[in-house]
Amino acid sequence: MDQLFARWAEPNSPGAVIAVLQDGKIVYSQGYGAANLEHGVPNTPATVFHLASVSKQFTAFAVYLLAHEGKLSLDDDVRKYVPKLHDFDTPITIRQLLHHTSGIRDQWNLLALAGWRLDDEITDDDVAHLLYQQTELNFPPGDQFLYSNSGYTLLAMVVKQVSGKTLSEFAKQRIFDPLGMSHTHFQDKYGIVVKDRAYSYGRQADGKYGYIALSYSTVGPSSLFSTVGDLARWDENFYTGDVGGLALLAEMQEKGKLNSGKEINYASGLTIGRYRGLRTVEHAGGDAAYRTNILRFPDQHFSVVVLANAGDLTPAALSFRIADIYLKELLRPVPDKPVLEDKPEVTVDPKILDAYVGDYELRPGFIISISKDNDHLAARATGQPSFPMYAVSNTAFRLRVVPAEIVFDDVVQGETAQRAILHQNGANLPLKRISITKPAADRLKAYEGHYYSAELGVIYDVFIRENVLMVHYPRGEVDLQPAGVDAFTTGFPIGNLKFACADDGKCNEMSIDDGRVKQLRFGKISLDPIGARSSQ
């Protein structure tokens, strides 16, 4: 296990703390790297970490405690407790919030679209104000599963309304104190001093680590702080039921269901699955450069906790690697996956590259655009930046940022490749060339203007710069790449953008879909120039 974490074990590197739990005991625990690079403080099993989305299972547990006391029903309409939430003409139940099937748009994406930066101080009131402004959902409640942090913010509001205590107060009195979790708390004000806290660090463009601030003053989906020792106590409660009872804990681990009756793998703040033949319960988290995971094998009474403050560390994958070591006699063999064998870079005639330039559809709405940069190709996937590729043959090209390879059809000179295969993570995914018509100059001109979203309370400015359509949003600016008729794609936070245009060529509306926020509408408005005065 120490070998798994060797790259983060140096004193000048952030790292992680791990705990391996067997039959209710910590059988191995170790810290790697530094909790604070500025002062050279090492990570130890006593270090306190921000848990990010691992927090959700604690928020869910608080809701279940109230439900089992008869103070609420999981099938209650959330507006019973949060009446300021918009009436969407169909109830959104507490159960749907727990299972991410509510259709409520995600708060972090909404905040980014509204011009917030995640290192701003973000309070419960800030999030609530934005959620109350939403008048549309991503989909009808219960129709789909789509991860939404907003649901757990609303659940924290429910706990406060029903119990008369904030989630931080309720969890301390009803969960942390009874379980002896003396180093655990929900942080509802980012500036609170936390003894033995780990600070988060992410890789910068120069390869060095830089501090990444986290200033959340909001709880529910995130903002729980804890140690591996306290989390061992929490984990053991799933076997003993000392707090809450075993019936409550069993109900909390029941998978959610859609309106169609289809079962999903998500329960209440927990993902229920199988790994190499064994049942698993887990949840990961990531905020700023904190990376966390709790992985439980309930039938083996075995768990792994990984808490990290290095943004390039992957706790979920490493948790399973640790399980591979301890449970190797019980796990089924791993199916062989094809891997990309090492191949040296080769030089390709730039004329050959021309045959590959174009747009290739991986699935509807997701396009990989191949461009040529002198004697190299570059790939840009929908909603992502462009990344250079290097050739390993006349038809095969690899990305350096991820282990992926695109192999194009071999074509004769003068023709263009119509198909390719994307090899990534052991999968072979077909790509098909599609034709995306670049808008004419007059069409681009029709898109220009100011667009207002009442749900965000902000104005976006669409304009042309050097024949490229641009969008200026509060505290940001991005270029738009054509992705279909009146459709464009760009990076976070906007993702996909589509204009609505009439037969006369006028475009008076646009909508945004960035994955966790769908069909966010903006209407074109007329703004008087600064300093203009209306005539009397």
Protein backbone atom coordinates (compact mmCIF):
# COMPACT_ATOMS: atom_id res chain seq x y z
CA MET A 1 0.00 0.00 0.00
CA ASP A 2 2.83 2.38 0.71
CA GLN A 3 3.98 1.80 -2.87
CA LEU A 4 0.57 2.92 -4.14
CA PHE A 5 1.05 6.29 -2.42
CA ALA A 6 4.79 6.66 -2.95
CA ARG A 7 4.50 9.59 -5.36
CA TRP A 8 2.65 11.62 -2.71
CA ALA A 9 4.84 10.57 0.23
CA GLU A 10 7.50 13.29 -0.06
CA PRO A 11 7.52 16.13 2.51
CA ASN A 12 7.27 18.73 -0.30
CA SER A 13 4.12 17.13 -1.73
CA PRO A 14 0.53 17.09 -0.50
CA GLY A 15 -0.77 13.59 -0.06
CA ALA A 16 -3.31 11.54 1.85
CA VAL A 17 -4.24 9.60 4.95
CA ILE A 18 -5.63 6.08 4.65
CA ALA A 19 -7.30 3.68 7.05
CA VAL A 20 -8.04 0.01 6.45
CA LEU A 21 -10.90 -1.31 8.59
CA GLN A 22 -11.56 -4.98 9.33
CA ASP A 23 -14.15 -6.35 11.74
CA GLY A 24 -14.60 -2.98 13.44
CA LYS A 25 -10.91 -2.27 13.95
CA ILE A 26 -8.35 -0.13 12.16
CA VAL A 27 -5.80 -2.70 10.95
CA TYR A 28 -3.62 -0.20 9.09
CA SER A 29 -3.47 3.58 8.97
CA GLN A 30 -0.84 5.84 7.47
CA GLY A 31 -0.29 9.42 6.39
CA TYR A 32 1.57 10.47 3.26
CA GLY A 33 2.94 13.85 2.25
CA ALA A 34 2.17 17.20 3.86
CA ALA A 35 -1.02 18.60 5.32
CA ASN A 36 0.45 22.09 4.96
CA LEU A 37 3.27 22.78 2.51
CA GLU A 38 3.98 26.27 3.81
CA HIS A 39 4.85 25.03 7.30
CA GLY A 40 5.95 21.49 6.49
CA VAL A 41 3.21 19.86 8.60
CA PRO A 42 2.88 16.15 7.73
CA ASN A 43 -0.33 14.26 7.09
CA THR A 44 -1.05 11.87 9.95
CA PRO A 45 -4.05 9.76 10.99
CA ALA A 46 -5.04 12.72 13.22
CA THR A 47 -5.22 15.16 10.28
CA VAL A 48 -8.67 16.68 9.62
CA PHE A 49 -9.88 16.75 6.01
CA HIS A 50 -12.74 18.43 4.17
CA LEU A 51 -14.78 15.44 2.92
CA ALA A 52 -16.59 17.06 -0.05
CA SER A 53 -19.45 14.83 -1.28
CA VAL A 54 -18.75 12.09 1.26
CA SER A 55 -20.71 14.54 3.43
CA LYS A 56 -23.96 13.59 1.69
CA GLN A 57 -24.45 10.30 3.54
CA PHE A 58 -24.42 12.20 6.85
CA THR A 59 -27.05 14.68 5.61
CA ALA A 60 -29.14 11.73 4.42
CA PHE A 61 -28.75 10.01 7.80
CA ALA A 62 -30.03 13.12 9.57
CA VAL A 63 -33.13 13.07 7.35
CA TYR A 64 -33.72 9.38 8.07
CA LEU A 65 -33.46 9.99 11.81
CA LEU A 66 -36.28 12.53 11.55
CA ALA A 67 -38.31 10.25 9.31
CA HIS A 68 -38.05 7.31 11.72
CA GLU A 69 -39.21 9.59 14.53
CA GLY A 70 -42.33 10.40 12.50
CA LYS A 71 -41.40 14.05 12.07
CA LEU A 72 -41.43 13.85 8.28
CA SER A 73 -42.13 11.40 5.48
CA LEU A 74 -39.69 10.68 2.68
CA ASP A 75 -42.62 11.08 0.29
CA ASP A 76 -43.44 14.58 1.52
CA ASP A 77 -43.28 17.41 -1.02
CA VAL A 78 -40.14 19.40 -0.20
CA ARG A 79 -42.17 22.61 -0.54
CA LYS A 80 -43.94 21.63 2.69
CA TYR A 81 -40.69 22.59 4.42
CA VAL A 82 -39.14 24.96 1.85
CA PRO A 83 -42.17 26.93 0.58
CA LYS A 84 -40.03 29.52 -1.21
CA LEU A 85 -39.01 26.90 -3.76
CA HIS A 86 -40.84 27.41 -7.06
CA ASP A 87 -44.00 25.39 -7.61
CA PHE A 88 -43.12 23.24 -10.61
CA ASP A 89 -46.72 21.92 -10.92
CA THR A 90 -45.58 18.50 -9.74
CA PRO A 91 -44.33 17.55 -6.27
CA ILE A 92 -40.64 16.98 -5.62
CA THR A 93 -40.30 14.51 -2.78
CA ILE A 94 -37.62 14.24 -0.15
CA ARG A 95 -36.94 10.72 -1.44
CA GLN A 96 -36.21 12.10 -4.93
CA LEU A 97 -33.76 14.62 -3.45
CA LEU A 98 -31.96 11.81 -1.62
CA HIS A 99 -31.63 9.76 -4.83
CA HIS A 100 -30.76 12.62 -7.24
CA THR A 101 -33.93 12.04 -9.25
CA SER A 102 -35.60 15.38 -8.48
CA GLY A 103 -34.68 17.24 -11.67
CA ILE A 104 -33.43 20.23 -9.62
CA ARG A 105 -30.52 21.96 -11.36
CA ASP A 106 -27.10 21.70 -9.72
CA GLN A 107 -26.12 24.65 -7.55
CA TRP A 108 -22.39 24.73 -8.40
CA ASN A 109 -23.09 24.86 -12.13
CA LEU A 110 -25.73 27.54 -11.60
CA LEU A 111 -23.34 29.62 -9.50
CA ALA A 112 -20.61 29.36 -12.14
CA LEU A 113 -23.07 30.36 -14.88
CA ALA A 114 -24.10 33.34 -12.75
CA GLY A 115 -20.49 34.50 -12.53
CA TRP A 116 -19.48 33.16 -9.13
CA ARG A 117 -16.07 31.64 -8.63
CA LEU A 118 -15.74 28.69 -6.31
CA ASP A 119 -13.16 30.53 -4.21
CA ASP A 120 -15.75 33.22 -3.41
CA GLU A 121 -17.39 32.81 -0.04
CA ILE A 122 -20.61 30.93 -0.83
CA THR A 123 -23.26 30.85 1.89
CA ASP A 124 -26.49 28.94 2.41
CA ASP A 125 -28.38 32.15 1.62
CA ASP A 126 -26.48 32.60 -1.66
CA VAL A 127 -27.41 29.09 -2.79
CA ALA A 128 -30.99 29.36 -1.57
CA HIS A 129 -31.53 32.66 -3.42
CA LEU A 130 -30.36 31.07 -6.68
CA LEU A 131 -32.46 27.92 -6.20
CA TYR A 132 -35.58 29.97 -5.48
CA GLN A 133 -35.12 31.79 -8.80
CA GLN A 134 -35.30 28.55 -10.81
CA THR A 135 -38.60 28.14 -12.65
CA GLU A 136 -37.71 25.06 -14.73
CA LEU A 137 -36.32 21.61 -13.97
CA ASN A 138 -33.85 19.48 -15.86
CA PHE A 139 -36.58 16.83 -16.24
CA PRO A 140 -39.87 15.82 -14.56
CA PRO A 141 -39.21 14.58 -11.01
CA GLY A 142 -38.49 10.87 -10.90
CA ASP A 143 -37.94 10.45 -14.63
CA GLN A 144 -34.13 10.34 -14.57
CA PHE A 145 -31.07 10.12 -12.33
CA LEU A 146 -28.82 13.18 -12.51
CA TYR A 147 -26.46 14.07 -9.69
CA SER A 148 -27.50 17.39 -8.12
CA ASN A 149 -25.83 18.99 -5.12
CA SER A 150 -28.83 21.30 -4.83
CA GLY A 151 -30.95 18.43 -3.54
CA TYR A 152 -28.74 18.03 -0.50
CA THR A 153 -28.76 21.77 0.21
CA LEU A 154 -32.56 21.51 0.25
CA LEU A 155 -32.34 18.49 2.57
CA ALA A 156 -30.24 20.54 5.00
CA MET A 157 -33.00 23.17 4.92
CA VAL A 158 -35.56 20.45 5.68
CA VAL A 159 -33.54 19.28 8.70
CA LYS A 160 -33.41 22.84 10.03
CA GLN A 161 -37.12 23.45 9.48
CA VAL A 162 -38.23 20.18 11.10
CA SER A 163 -35.74 19.96 13.98
CA GLY A 164 -35.32 23.65 14.75
CA LYS A 165 -31.56 23.16 14.59
CA THR A 166 -29.06 23.79 11.81
CA LEU A 167 -27.65 20.69 10.18
CA SER A 168 -24.35 21.41 11.93
CA GLU A 169 -26.05 21.50 15.34
CA PHE A 170 -28.31 18.52 14.66
CA ALA A 171 -25.51 16.31 13.37
CA LYS A 172 -23.29 17.11 16.35
CA GLN A 173 -25.99 16.28 18.89
CA ARG A 174 -27.56 13.29 17.16
CA ILE A 175 -24.68 11.69 15.21
CA PHE A 176 -21.17 12.85 16.05
CA ASP A 177 -21.36 13.08 19.84
CA PRO A 178 -23.18 9.73 20.28
CA LEU A 179 -20.63 7.99 18.05
CA GLY A 180 -17.66 9.66 19.74
CA MET A 181 -16.66 11.48 16.54
CA SER A 182 -14.95 14.31 18.42
CA HIS A 183 -12.97 15.59 15.42
CA THR A 184 -15.96 15.85 13.05
CA HIS A 185 -18.17 18.83 12.25
CA PHE A 186 -20.17 20.47 9.48
CA GLN A 187 -18.42 23.76 8.65
CA ASP A 188 -21.10 26.39 8.02
CA LYS A 189 -18.62 29.29 8.13
CA TYR A 190 -15.44 28.88 6.11
CA GLY A 191 -13.23 30.99 8.39
CA ILE A 192 -13.63 28.80 11.48
CA VAL A 193 -10.24 27.65 12.77
CA VAL A 194 -9.89 23.86 12.49
CA LYS A 195 -7.07 22.33 14.49
CA ASP A 196 -4.89 19.88 12.50
CA ARG A 197 -6.63 20.76 9.20
CA ALA A 198 -5.13 19.69 5.86
CA TYR A 199 -5.02 22.36 3.15
CA SER A 200 -5.65 21.49 -0.49
CA TYR A 201 -3.11 21.72 -3.31
CA GLY A 202 -3.49 21.13 -7.04
CA ARG A 203 -1.00 20.70 -9.86
CA GLN A 204 -0.29 23.93 -11.76
CA ALA A 205 0.70 24.35 -15.41
CA ASP A 206 4.39 24.30 -14.43
CA GLY A 207 3.95 20.94 -12.69
CA LYS A 208 4.30 22.39 -9.19
CA TYR A 209 1.62 22.29 -6.53
CA GLY A 210 -0.35 25.43 -5.72
CA TYR A 211 -2.76 26.17 -2.90
CA ILE A 212 -6.44 26.00 -3.90
CA ALA A 213 -8.76 27.88 -1.58
CA LEU A 214 -12.09 26.50 -0.43
CA SER A 215 -14.45 29.05 1.08
CA TYR A 216 -17.78 27.25 1.30
CA SER A 217 -20.04 28.52 4.07
CA THR A 218 -22.84 26.16 3.09
CA VAL A 219 -23.62 22.64 4.24
CA GLY A 220 -25.60 19.61 3.10
CA PRO A 221 -23.94 18.40 -0.07
CA SER A 222 -20.46 19.13 1.29
CA SER A 223 -18.46 20.87 4.05
CA LEU A 224 -18.09 18.00 6.54
CA PHE A 225 -14.66 17.82 8.20
CA SER A 226 -13.39 14.61 9.78
CA THR A 227 -10.50 12.20 10.34
CA VAL A 228 -10.00 8.59 9.31
CA GLY A 229 -10.38 7.55 12.97
CA ASP A 230 -13.77 9.23 13.31
CA LEU A 231 -14.90 7.78 9.99
CA ALA A 232 -13.99 4.32 11.29
CA ARG A 233 -16.57 4.88 14.05
CA TRP A 234 -19.14 5.98 11.46
CA ASP A 235 -18.40 2.95 9.31
CA GLU A 236 -18.81 0.53 12.21
CA ASN A 237 -22.24 1.97 13.00
CA PHE A 238 -23.49 0.41 9.75
CA TYR A 239 -22.88 -2.97 11.39
CA THR A 240 -23.98 -2.21 14.97
CA GLY A 241 -26.76 0.32 14.43
CA ASP A 242 -25.90 1.91 17.80
CA VAL A 243 -27.13 5.24 16.44
CA GLY A 244 -30.26 5.13 14.32
CA GLY A 245 -30.79 1.38 14.39
CA LEU A 246 -30.18 -1.31 11.80
CA ALA A 247 -33.61 -0.92 10.20
CA LEU A 248 -32.89 2.75 9.43
CA LEU A 249 -29.47 1.94 8.02
CA ALA A 250 -30.88 -0.82 5.83
CA GLU A 251 -33.52 1.55 4.45
CA MET A 252 -30.89 4.18 3.78
CA GLN A 253 -29.00 1.68 1.60
CA GLU A 254 -32.01 0.79 -0.57
CA LYS A 255 -31.47 1.78 -4.19
CA GLY A 256 -33.63 4.49 -5.68
CA LYS A 257 -36.22 3.86 -8.38
CA LEU A 258 -37.37 5.94 -11.33
CA ASN A 259 -40.99 6.54 -12.29
CA SER A 260 -40.60 3.73 -14.84
CA GLY A 261 -39.76 1.30 -12.06
CA LYS A 262 -36.13 1.03 -13.15
CA GLU A 263 -33.74 0.67 -10.24
CA ILE A 264 -30.68 2.92 -10.05
CA ASN A 265 -27.39 2.22 -8.26
CA TYR A 266 -27.65 5.28 -6.03
CA ALA A 267 -29.16 5.12 -2.58
CA SER A 268 -29.19 8.01 -0.06
CA GLY A 269 -25.73 9.54 -0.32
CA LEU A 270 -24.31 6.11 -1.16
CA THR A 271 -23.53 4.19 -4.34
CA ILE A 272 -24.48 0.50 -4.20
CA GLY A 273 -22.52 -1.78 -6.50
CA ARG A 274 -20.40 -4.89 -6.97
CA TYR A 275 -16.68 -5.30 -7.45
CA ARG A 276 -15.18 -8.54 -8.70
CA GLY A 277 -18.13 -10.50 -7.32
CA LEU A 278 -18.46 -8.76 -3.94
CA ARG A 279 -21.08 -6.23 -2.82
CA THR A 280 -19.85 -2.68 -2.27
CA VAL A 281 -21.17 0.53 -0.72
CA GLU A 282 -19.18 3.69 -1.40
CA HIS A 283 -19.12 7.39 -2.11
CA ALA A 284 -16.37 9.69 -3.32
CA GLY A 285 -15.94 13.44 -3.06
CA GLY A 286 -13.95 16.28 -4.58
CA ASP A 287 -13.90 20.01 -3.77
CA ALA A 288 -11.01 22.39 -4.50
CA ALA A 289 -8.10 19.88 -4.40
CA TYR A 290 -9.58 17.66 -1.68
CA ARG A 291 -10.25 14.10 -2.87
CA THR A 292 -12.01 11.56 -0.64
CA ASN A 293 -13.60 8.12 -0.66
CA ILE A 294 -15.13 5.59 1.71
CA LEU A 295 -15.43 2.08 0.26
CA ARG A 296 -17.23 -0.65 2.21
CA PHE A 297 -17.50 -4.40 1.52
CA PRO A 298 -20.41 -5.14 3.90
CA ASP A 299 -20.36 -8.94 3.62
CA GLN A 300 -16.65 -9.01 4.51
CA HIS A 301 -16.91 -6.34 7.27
CA PHE A 302 -14.10 -4.58 5.47
CA SER A 303 -13.68 -0.92 4.51
CA VAL A 304 -11.12 1.49 3.11
CA VAL A 305 -11.02 5.22 3.86
CA VAL A 306 -8.85 7.53 1.74
CA LEU A 307 -8.72 11.25 2.49
CA ALA A 308 -6.45 13.35 0.29
CA ASN A 309 -5.37 16.97 -0.13
CA ALA A 310 -3.64 16.43 -3.49
CA GLY A 311 -5.81 17.20 -6.49
CA ASP A 312 -4.05 14.65 -8.72
CA LEU A 313 -4.72 11.73 -6.37
CA THR A 314 -7.68 9.42 -7.17
CA PRO A 315 -9.03 7.96 -3.90
CA ALA A 316 -11.74 5.82 -5.51
CA ALA A 317 -9.30 3.95 -7.75
CA LEU A 318 -6.75 3.63 -4.94
CA SER A 319 -9.40 2.34 -2.53
CA PHE A 320 -10.10 -0.57 -4.87
CA ARG A 321 -6.35 -1.19 -5.28
CA ILE A 322 -6.09 -1.51 -1.49
CA ALA A 323 -9.06 -3.88 -1.47
CA ASP A 324 -7.26 -5.94 -4.12
CA ILE A 325 -4.42 -6.45 -1.63
CA TYR A 326 -6.51 -7.39 1.40
CA LEU A 327 -9.31 -9.35 -0.27
CA LYS A 328 -7.33 -11.01 -3.05
CA GLU A 329 -8.41 -14.50 -1.96
CA LEU A 330 -12.09 -13.55 -2.20
CA LEU A 331 -12.17 -11.45 -5.35
CA ARG A 332 -12.94 -12.85 -8.75
CA PRO A 333 -10.18 -12.55 -11.37
CA VAL A 334 -9.98 -9.24 -13.19
CA PRO A 335 -11.03 -9.54 -16.84
CA ASP A 336 -8.17 -8.69 -19.15
CA LYS A 337 -8.52 -5.23 -20.64
CA PRO A 338 -6.59 -4.16 -23.69
CA VAL A 339 -4.01 -1.56 -22.81
CA LEU A 340 -2.14 0.86 -25.01
CA GLU A 341 1.34 -0.53 -25.42
CA ASP A 342 4.17 1.97 -25.41
CA LYS A 343 5.06 3.20 -28.86
CA PRO A 344 7.49 5.93 -29.86
CA GLU A 345 6.34 9.11 -31.56
CA VAL A 346 6.78 9.13 -35.34
CA THR A 347 6.80 11.87 -37.94
CA VAL A 348 3.85 12.00 -40.33
CA ASP A 349 3.71 13.92 -43.59
CA PRO A 350 1.50 16.99 -42.87
CA LYS A 351 -0.39 16.29 -46.11
CA ILE A 352 -1.63 13.01 -44.62
CA LEU A 353 -2.98 14.86 -41.60
CA ASP A 354 -5.36 16.83 -43.80
CA ALA A 355 -7.39 13.66 -44.40
CA TYR A 356 -8.23 13.44 -40.68
CA VAL A 357 -9.23 17.04 -40.00
CA GLY A 358 -12.95 17.38 -39.31
CA ASP A 359 -15.73 16.63 -36.83
CA TYR A 360 -16.50 13.12 -35.59
CA GLU A 361 -19.58 12.14 -33.60
CA LEU A 362 -19.09 9.80 -30.66
CA ARG A 363 -22.76 9.94 -29.67
CA PRO A 364 -25.57 12.42 -30.34
CA GLY A 365 -24.52 15.80 -29.00
CA PHE A 366 -20.94 14.74 -28.26
CA ILE A 367 -18.41 15.57 -30.96
CA ILE A 368 -14.64 15.25 -31.21
CA SER A 369 -13.23 17.90 -33.51
CA ILE A 370 -9.86 17.20 -35.09
CA SER A 371 -7.77 20.19 -36.19
CA LYS A 372 -4.30 20.59 -37.63
CA ASP A 373 -1.58 22.63 -35.96
CA ASN A 374 1.40 22.77 -38.30
CA ASP A 375 2.67 19.17 -38.33
CA HIS A 376 0.49 17.87 -35.48
CA LEU A 377 -3.17 17.08 -34.88
CA ALA A 378 -5.22 18.37 -31.96
CA ALA A 379 -8.49 17.01 -30.55
CA ARG A 380 -11.28 18.94 -28.90
CA ALA A 381 -14.25 17.15 -27.35
CA THR A 382 -17.58 18.83 -26.73
CA GLY A 383 -17.31 21.23 -23.80
CA GLN A 384 -13.57 20.69 -23.36
CA PRO A 385 -10.40 22.55 -24.39
CA SER A 386 -8.26 21.44 -27.31
CA PHE A 387 -5.42 19.01 -26.60
CA PRO A 388 -2.44 18.19 -28.86
CA MET A 389 -1.90 14.65 -30.13
CA TYR A 390 1.22 12.85 -31.24
CA ALA A 391 1.48 10.24 -33.97
CA VAL A 392 2.52 6.63 -33.32
CA SER A 393 1.78 5.65 -36.95
CA ASN A 394 0.33 7.24 -40.07
CA THR A 395 -3.20 6.52 -38.77
CA ALA A 396 -2.87 6.34 -34.97
CA PHE A 397 -2.61 9.39 -32.70
CA ARG A 398 -2.44 9.66 -28.93
CA LEU A 399 -3.26 12.30 -26.35
CA ARG A 400 -0.71 13.09 -23.69
CA VAL A 401 -3.21 14.26 -21.07
CA VAL A 402 -5.07 10.92 -20.84
CA PRO A 403 -4.28 7.36 -22.00
CA ALA A 404 -6.36 7.52 -25.18
CA GLU A 405 -5.69 6.83 -28.86
CA ILE A 406 -7.63 7.67 -32.00
CA VAL A 407 -7.07 5.42 -35.02
CA PHE A 408 -8.39 6.72 -38.34
CA ASP A 409 -9.35 4.75 -41.44
CA ASP A 410 -6.44 4.41 -43.84
CA VAL A 411 -7.37 6.47 -46.90
CA VAL A 412 -5.86 7.08 -50.31
CA GLN A 413 -4.34 10.44 -51.11
CA GLY A 414 -6.90 13.17 -51.74
CA GLU A 415 -9.73 11.52 -49.78
CA THR A 416 -10.84 12.14 -46.21
CA ALA A 417 -11.27 9.64 -43.38
CA GLN A 418 -14.93 8.93 -42.65
CA ARG A 419 -14.50 6.82 -39.54
CA ALA A 420 -12.15 6.33 -36.61
CA ILE A 421 -11.93 4.34 -33.39
CA LEU A 422 -11.32 5.90 -29.98
CA HIS A 423 -9.43 3.49 -27.70
CA GLN A 424 -9.81 4.54 -24.05
CA ASN A 425 -10.15 2.73 -20.71
CA GLY A 426 -10.25 -0.64 -22.46
CA ALA A 427 -13.17 0.40 -24.69
CA ASN A 428 -13.18 0.72 -28.49
CA LEU A 429 -15.58 3.50 -29.38
CA PRO A 430 -16.55 4.19 -33.01
CA LEU A 431 -16.36 7.72 -34.36
CA LYS A 432 -18.23 8.81 -37.48
CA ARG A 433 -17.41 11.92 -39.49
CA ILE A 434 -20.24 14.41 -39.61
CA SER A 435 -20.59 17.65 -41.51
CA ILE A 436 -21.07 20.74 -39.39
CA THR A 437 -21.89 23.80 -41.46
CA LYS A 438 -20.07 26.88 -40.27
CA PRO A 439 -22.56 29.75 -39.96
CA ALA A 440 -22.32 32.46 -42.61
CA ALA A 441 -21.33 35.96 -41.61
CA ASP A 442 -24.91 37.26 -41.61
CA ARG A 443 -26.05 34.36 -39.41
CA LEU A 444 -23.28 35.07 -36.92
CA LYS A 445 -24.40 38.69 -36.91
CA ALA A 446 -27.95 37.60 -36.06
CA TYR A 447 -26.71 35.89 -32.90
CA GLU A 448 -25.07 39.05 -31.55
CA GLY A 449 -26.72 40.87 -28.69
CA HIS A 450 -27.45 40.87 -24.99
CA TYR A 451 -29.33 37.94 -23.45
CA TYR A 452 -30.93 37.94 -20.01
CA SER A 453 -31.74 35.01 -17.71
CA ALA A 454 -34.23 35.76 -14.95
CA GLU A 455 -33.30 32.45 -13.31
CA LEU A 456 -29.69 33.60 -12.92
CA GLY A 457 -30.33 37.34 -12.77
CA VAL A 458 -27.47 38.01 -15.22
CA ILE A 459 -26.85 39.28 -18.74
CA TYR A 460 -24.65 37.52 -21.33
CA ASP A 461 -23.13 39.45 -24.24
CA VAL A 462 -22.78 37.55 -27.54
CA PHE A 463 -20.46 39.21 -30.03
CA ILE A 464 -18.08 38.55 -32.91
CA ARG A 465 -14.32 38.94 -32.57
CA GLU A 466 -12.10 38.19 -35.57
CA ASN A 467 -14.86 36.11 -37.20
CA VAL A 468 -15.30 34.00 -34.05
CA LEU A 469 -18.50 34.07 -32.02
CA MET A 470 -17.79 34.89 -28.38
CA VAL A 471 -19.79 34.99 -25.16
CA HIS A 472 -18.99 37.32 -22.29
CA TYR A 473 -20.65 36.24 -19.06
CA PRO A 474 -20.14 37.71 -15.57
CA ARG A 475 -16.43 37.34 -14.77
CA GLY A 476 -15.62 35.25 -17.84
CA GLU A 477 -15.37 35.05 -21.61
CA VAL A 478 -15.32 32.04 -23.97
CA ASP A 479 -15.34 31.36 -27.71
CA LEU A 480 -18.04 29.24 -29.33
CA GLN A 481 -17.35 26.39 -31.74
CA PRO A 482 -20.12 25.33 -34.18
CA ALA A 483 -21.73 21.99 -33.31
CA GLY A 484 -24.83 21.96 -35.53
CA VAL A 485 -27.60 24.20 -36.80
CA ASP A 486 -27.59 27.28 -34.52
CA ALA A 487 -25.74 25.11 -31.98
CA PHE A 488 -22.33 25.71 -30.42
CA THR A 489 -20.07 24.15 -27.85
CA THR A 490 -17.52 25.61 -25.48
CA GLY A 491 -15.84 24.96 -22.14
CA PHE A 492 -17.10 25.14 -18.57
CA PRO A 493 -19.37 26.61 -17.35
CA ILE A 494 -21.47 26.99 -20.51
CA GLY A 495 -20.94 23.67 -22.29
CA ASN A 496 -23.52 23.57 -25.08
CA LEU A 497 -25.40 26.62 -26.33
CA LYS A 498 -28.22 26.77 -28.89
CA PHE A 499 -29.94 29.80 -30.42
CA ALA A 500 -33.65 29.90 -31.28
CA CYS A 501 -34.14 31.75 -34.56
CA ALA A 502 -37.29 32.65 -36.50
CA ASP A 503 -37.88 32.21 -40.23
CA ASP A 504 -37.02 35.87 -40.79
CA GLY A 505 -33.50 35.21 -39.47
CA LYS A 506 -33.92 36.99 -36.16
CA CYS A 507 -32.48 35.13 -33.15
CA ASN A 508 -34.16 36.24 -29.94
CA GLU A 509 -33.46 33.42 -27.49
CA MET A 510 -30.72 31.00 -26.52
CA SER A 511 -30.51 28.07 -24.14
CA ILE A 512 -27.62 26.43 -22.29
CA ASP A 513 -27.02 22.79 -21.39
CA ASP A 514 -23.87 22.11 -19.37
CA GLY A 515 -24.72 18.61 -18.14
CA ARG A 516 -26.12 19.31 -14.69
CA VAL A 517 -28.07 22.36 -15.87
CA LYS A 518 -30.33 21.80 -18.86
CA GLN A 519 -32.47 24.13 -21.00
CA LEU A 520 -31.50 27.29 -19.14
CA ARG A 521 -33.15 29.98 -21.24
CA PHE A 522 -31.98 33.50 -22.04
CA GLY A 523 -34.06 36.07 -23.90
CA LYS A 524 -32.51 38.78 -26.07
CA ILE A 525 -32.91 42.26 -24.62
CA SER A 526 -32.15 45.78 -25.80
CA LEU A 527 -29.72 47.82 -23.73
CA ASP A 528 -29.18 51.53 -24.16
CA PRO A 529 -25.54 52.53 -24.62
CA ILE A 530 -23.82 53.73 -21.47
CA GLY A 531 -24.46 57.44 -21.02
CA ALA A 532 -27.45 57.53 -23.38
CA ARG A 533 -30.39 59.69 -22.36
CA SER A 534 -33.98 59.27 -23.45
CA SER A 535 -35.40 62.24 -25.35
CA GLN A 536 -38.02 64.43 -23.67
